[in-house]
Amino acid sequence: MMEVKLECKNVSCEKIANRLSKFRETSPFGYKVWVYKDGVFAFFRVESISDLNELANRLKRIKEIEFTFQQIHKAWG
């Protein structure tokens, strides 16, 4: 299990929350989304790197989005 912090630009908070909620149907761990200055941030958990890659591919489908994974930590428990 990994905890991930995502930073996005040129996208609304609602779009990120929508993508995470659709992604979470297969893996029901919670997520948090917030806006700070010019960016949208999200904090969530994933099971593996392959799940994280799948989410990145889904995010790339949003037009003009810029995103980076700010933090990726291994979570215990």
N, C-alpha and C. Protein backbone atom coordinates (compact mmCIF):
# COMPACT_ATOMS: atom_id res chain seq x y z
N MET A 1 0.85 -1.17 0.00
CA MET A 1 0.00 0.00 0.00
C MET A 1 0.90 1.24 0.00
N MET A 2 0.51 2.23 -0.81
CA MET A 2 1.27 3.47 -0.89
C MET A 2 0.35 4.66 -0.72
N GLU A 3 0.86 5.69 -0.03
CA GLU A 3 0.15 6.95 0.10
C GLU A 3 0.75 7.92 -0.92
N VAL A 4 -0.12 8.62 -1.65
CA VAL A 4 0.32 9.46 -2.76
C VAL A 4 -0.28 10.85 -2.62
N LYS A 5 0.55 11.87 -2.89
CA LYS A 5 0.06 13.24 -2.98
C LYS A 5 0.25 13.69 -4.42
N LEU A 6 -0.83 14.16 -5.03
CA LEU A 6 -0.87 14.54 -6.44
C LEU A 6 -1.12 16.04 -6.55
N GLU A 7 -0.37 16.72 -7.43
CA GLU A 7 -0.61 18.14 -7.71
C GLU A 7 -1.00 18.28 -9.17
N CYS A 8 -2.09 19.02 -9.44
CA CYS A 8 -2.58 19.22 -10.80
C CYS A 8 -2.76 20.70 -11.08
N LYS A 9 -2.58 21.06 -12.33
CA LYS A 9 -2.84 22.43 -12.79
C LYS A 9 -3.68 22.36 -14.05
N ASN A 10 -4.37 23.45 -14.35
CA ASN A 10 -5.23 23.58 -15.54
C ASN A 10 -6.39 22.59 -15.52
N VAL A 11 -6.90 22.29 -14.35
CA VAL A 11 -8.03 21.36 -14.22
C VAL A 11 -8.83 21.74 -12.99
N SER A 12 -10.13 21.44 -13.01
CA SER A 12 -10.97 21.76 -11.85
C SER A 12 -10.88 20.67 -10.79
N CYS A 13 -11.19 21.08 -9.60
CA CYS A 13 -11.21 20.16 -8.46
C CYS A 13 -12.23 19.04 -8.69
N GLU A 14 -13.35 19.39 -9.31
CA GLU A 14 -14.42 18.42 -9.56
C GLU A 14 -13.96 17.31 -10.50
N LYS A 15 -13.18 17.67 -11.53
CA LYS A 15 -12.70 16.66 -12.47
C LYS A 15 -11.76 15.67 -11.79
N ILE A 16 -10.89 16.16 -10.94
CA ILE A 16 -9.96 15.27 -10.23
C ILE A 16 -10.74 14.36 -9.28
N ALA A 17 -11.69 14.94 -8.55
CA ALA A 17 -12.50 14.13 -7.65
C ALA A 17 -13.29 13.08 -8.41
N ASN A 18 -13.80 13.44 -9.57
CA ASN A 18 -14.54 12.49 -10.40
C ASN A 18 -13.65 11.34 -10.85
N ARG A 19 -12.46 11.65 -11.33
CA ARG A 19 -11.54 10.59 -11.78
C ARG A 19 -11.15 9.68 -10.62
N LEU A 20 -10.88 10.27 -9.45
CA LEU A 20 -10.51 9.45 -8.29
C LEU A 20 -11.68 8.58 -7.82
N SER A 21 -12.89 9.12 -7.88
CA SER A 21 -14.04 8.32 -7.43
C SER A 21 -14.28 7.14 -8.37
N LYS A 22 -14.09 7.34 -9.68
CA LYS A 22 -14.24 6.23 -10.62
C LYS A 22 -13.12 5.22 -10.45
N PHE A 23 -11.91 5.70 -10.16
CA PHE A 23 -10.77 4.82 -9.93
C PHE A 23 -10.95 4.05 -8.62
N ARG A 24 -11.55 4.65 -7.65
CA ARG A 24 -11.72 4.06 -6.33
C ARG A 24 -12.77 2.96 -6.30
N GLU A 25 -13.59 2.82 -7.32
CA GLU A 25 -14.60 1.76 -7.33
C GLU A 25 -13.95 0.39 -7.21
N THR A 26 -12.75 0.25 -7.75
CA THR A 26 -12.07 -1.02 -7.68
C THR A 26 -11.24 -1.16 -6.41
N SER A 27 -10.94 -0.06 -5.78
CA SER A 27 -10.08 -0.06 -4.60
C SER A 27 -10.61 0.97 -3.60
N PRO A 28 -11.49 0.58 -2.69
CA PRO A 28 -12.26 1.54 -1.90
C PRO A 28 -11.52 2.17 -0.72
N PHE A 29 -10.37 2.74 -0.94
CA PHE A 29 -9.70 3.52 0.09
C PHE A 29 -10.07 4.97 -0.14
N GLY A 30 -10.14 5.75 0.90
CA GLY A 30 -10.59 7.13 0.76
C GLY A 30 -9.58 8.01 0.03
N TYR A 31 -10.03 9.20 -0.31
CA TYR A 31 -9.18 10.20 -0.92
C TYR A 31 -9.62 11.58 -0.46
N LYS A 32 -8.71 12.54 -0.54
CA LYS A 32 -9.00 13.93 -0.20
C LYS A 32 -8.55 14.79 -1.37
N VAL A 33 -9.36 15.78 -1.73
CA VAL A 33 -9.03 16.70 -2.82
C VAL A 33 -9.24 18.11 -2.30
N TRP A 34 -8.28 19.02 -2.58
CA TRP A 34 -8.42 20.40 -2.16
C TRP A 34 -7.74 21.33 -3.16
N VAL A 35 -8.10 22.61 -3.08
CA VAL A 35 -7.52 23.64 -3.95
C VAL A 35 -6.66 24.54 -3.09
N TYR A 36 -5.46 24.85 -3.58
CA TYR A 36 -4.56 25.78 -2.90
C TYR A 36 -3.85 26.60 -3.95
N LYS A 37 -4.01 27.92 -3.89
CA LYS A 37 -3.46 28.86 -4.87
C LYS A 37 -3.89 28.45 -6.27
N ASP A 38 -2.96 28.14 -7.16
CA ASP A 38 -3.29 27.82 -8.55
C ASP A 38 -3.40 26.32 -8.81
N GLY A 39 -3.31 25.51 -7.79
CA GLY A 39 -3.29 24.07 -8.01
C GLY A 39 -4.40 23.32 -7.30
N VAL A 40 -4.63 22.13 -7.80
CA VAL A 40 -5.55 21.19 -7.18
C VAL A 40 -4.69 20.04 -6.64
N PHE A 41 -4.90 19.70 -5.40
CA PHE A 41 -4.12 18.65 -4.76
C PHE A 41 -5.02 17.50 -4.35
N ALA A 42 -4.46 16.31 -4.35
CA ALA A 42 -5.21 15.13 -3.92
C ALA A 42 -4.29 14.23 -3.11
N PHE A 43 -4.86 13.61 -2.09
CA PHE A 43 -4.14 12.66 -1.26
C PHE A 43 -4.96 11.38 -1.26
N PHE A 44 -4.32 10.26 -1.58
CA PHE A 44 -5.04 8.99 -1.68
C PHE A 44 -4.08 7.84 -1.50
N ARG A 45 -4.62 6.64 -1.44
CA ARG A 45 -3.82 5.42 -1.31
C ARG A 45 -4.05 4.52 -2.51
N VAL A 46 -3.01 3.81 -2.91
CA VAL A 46 -3.11 2.81 -3.97
C VAL A 46 -2.43 1.54 -3.50
N GLU A 47 -2.80 0.45 -4.11
CA GLU A 47 -2.24 -0.85 -3.74
C GLU A 47 -0.84 -1.05 -4.30
N SER A 48 -0.59 -0.56 -5.54
CA SER A 48 0.68 -0.86 -6.19
C SER A 48 1.05 0.22 -7.21
N ILE A 49 2.25 0.11 -7.72
CA ILE A 49 2.72 1.03 -8.75
C ILE A 49 1.90 0.87 -10.02
N SER A 50 1.47 -0.33 -10.33
CA SER A 50 0.66 -0.53 -11.54
C SER A 50 -0.68 0.20 -11.41
N ASP A 51 -1.27 0.25 -10.21
CA ASP A 51 -2.49 1.03 -10.00
C ASP A 51 -2.23 2.52 -10.19
N LEU A 52 -1.07 2.97 -9.73
CA LEU A 52 -0.70 4.37 -9.89
C LEU A 52 -0.49 4.71 -11.36
N ASN A 53 0.11 3.81 -12.10
CA ASN A 53 0.28 4.02 -13.55
C ASN A 53 -1.07 4.06 -14.26
N GLU A 54 -1.99 3.21 -13.84
CA GLU A 54 -3.33 3.22 -14.43
C GLU A 54 -4.03 4.56 -14.19
N LEU A 55 -3.91 5.08 -12.97
CA LEU A 55 -4.50 6.38 -12.66
C LEU A 55 -3.85 7.48 -13.50
N ALA A 56 -2.53 7.43 -13.65
CA ALA A 56 -1.82 8.43 -14.46
C ALA A 56 -2.32 8.40 -15.90
N ASN A 57 -2.55 7.23 -16.44
CA ASN A 57 -3.06 7.13 -17.80
C ASN A 57 -4.47 7.71 -17.91
N ARG A 58 -5.28 7.52 -16.90
CA ARG A 58 -6.63 8.11 -16.90
C ARG A 58 -6.57 9.63 -16.80
N LEU A 59 -5.63 10.13 -16.01
CA LEU A 59 -5.50 11.59 -15.88
C LEU A 59 -5.00 12.23 -17.16
N LYS A 60 -4.16 11.53 -17.90
CA LYS A 60 -3.63 12.07 -19.15
C LYS A 60 -4.71 12.30 -20.20
N ARG A 61 -5.86 11.68 -20.03
CA ARG A 61 -6.97 11.85 -20.97
C ARG A 61 -7.65 13.21 -20.82
N ILE A 62 -7.42 13.89 -19.68
CA ILE A 62 -8.00 15.22 -19.47
C ILE A 62 -7.19 16.23 -20.27
N LYS A 63 -7.87 17.02 -21.08
CA LYS A 63 -7.18 17.99 -21.94
C LYS A 63 -6.46 19.05 -21.11
N GLU A 64 -5.24 19.38 -21.52
CA GLU A 64 -4.42 20.46 -20.96
C GLU A 64 -4.05 20.28 -19.50
N ILE A 65 -4.20 19.10 -18.95
CA ILE A 65 -3.84 18.89 -17.55
C ILE A 65 -2.32 18.80 -17.41
N GLU A 66 -1.82 19.36 -16.32
CA GLU A 66 -0.43 19.19 -15.92
C GLU A 66 -0.48 18.58 -14.52
N PHE A 67 0.18 17.46 -14.32
CA PHE A 67 0.15 16.86 -12.99
C PHE A 67 1.50 16.23 -12.65
N THR A 68 1.77 16.22 -11.37
CA THR A 68 2.97 15.56 -10.84
C THR A 68 2.60 14.85 -9.55
N PHE A 69 3.26 13.75 -9.30
CA PHE A 69 3.11 13.06 -8.02
C PHE A 69 4.13 13.68 -7.09
N GLN A 70 3.66 14.45 -6.11
CA GLN A 70 4.54 15.18 -5.21
C GLN A 70 5.21 14.26 -4.19
N GLN A 71 4.45 13.32 -3.66
CA GLN A 71 4.98 12.41 -2.64
C GLN A 71 4.41 11.02 -2.87
N ILE A 72 5.26 10.03 -2.71
CA ILE A 72 4.82 8.64 -2.74
C ILE A 72 5.52 7.94 -1.57
N HIS A 73 4.73 7.47 -0.63
CA HIS A 73 5.28 6.81 0.57
C HIS A 73 4.68 5.43 0.71
N LYS A 74 5.47 4.52 1.19
CA LYS A 74 4.95 3.20 1.51
C LYS A 74 4.21 3.30 2.84
N ALA A 75 2.97 2.82 2.85
CA ALA A 75 2.13 2.88 4.06
C ALA A 75 2.02 1.49 4.66
N TRP A 76 2.07 1.46 5.96
CA TRP A 76 1.94 0.18 6.68
C TRP A 76 0.56 0.14 7.31
N GLY A 77 -0.05 -1.01 7.24
CA GLY A 77 -1.31 -1.21 7.95
C GLY A 77 -2.48 -1.08 7.16
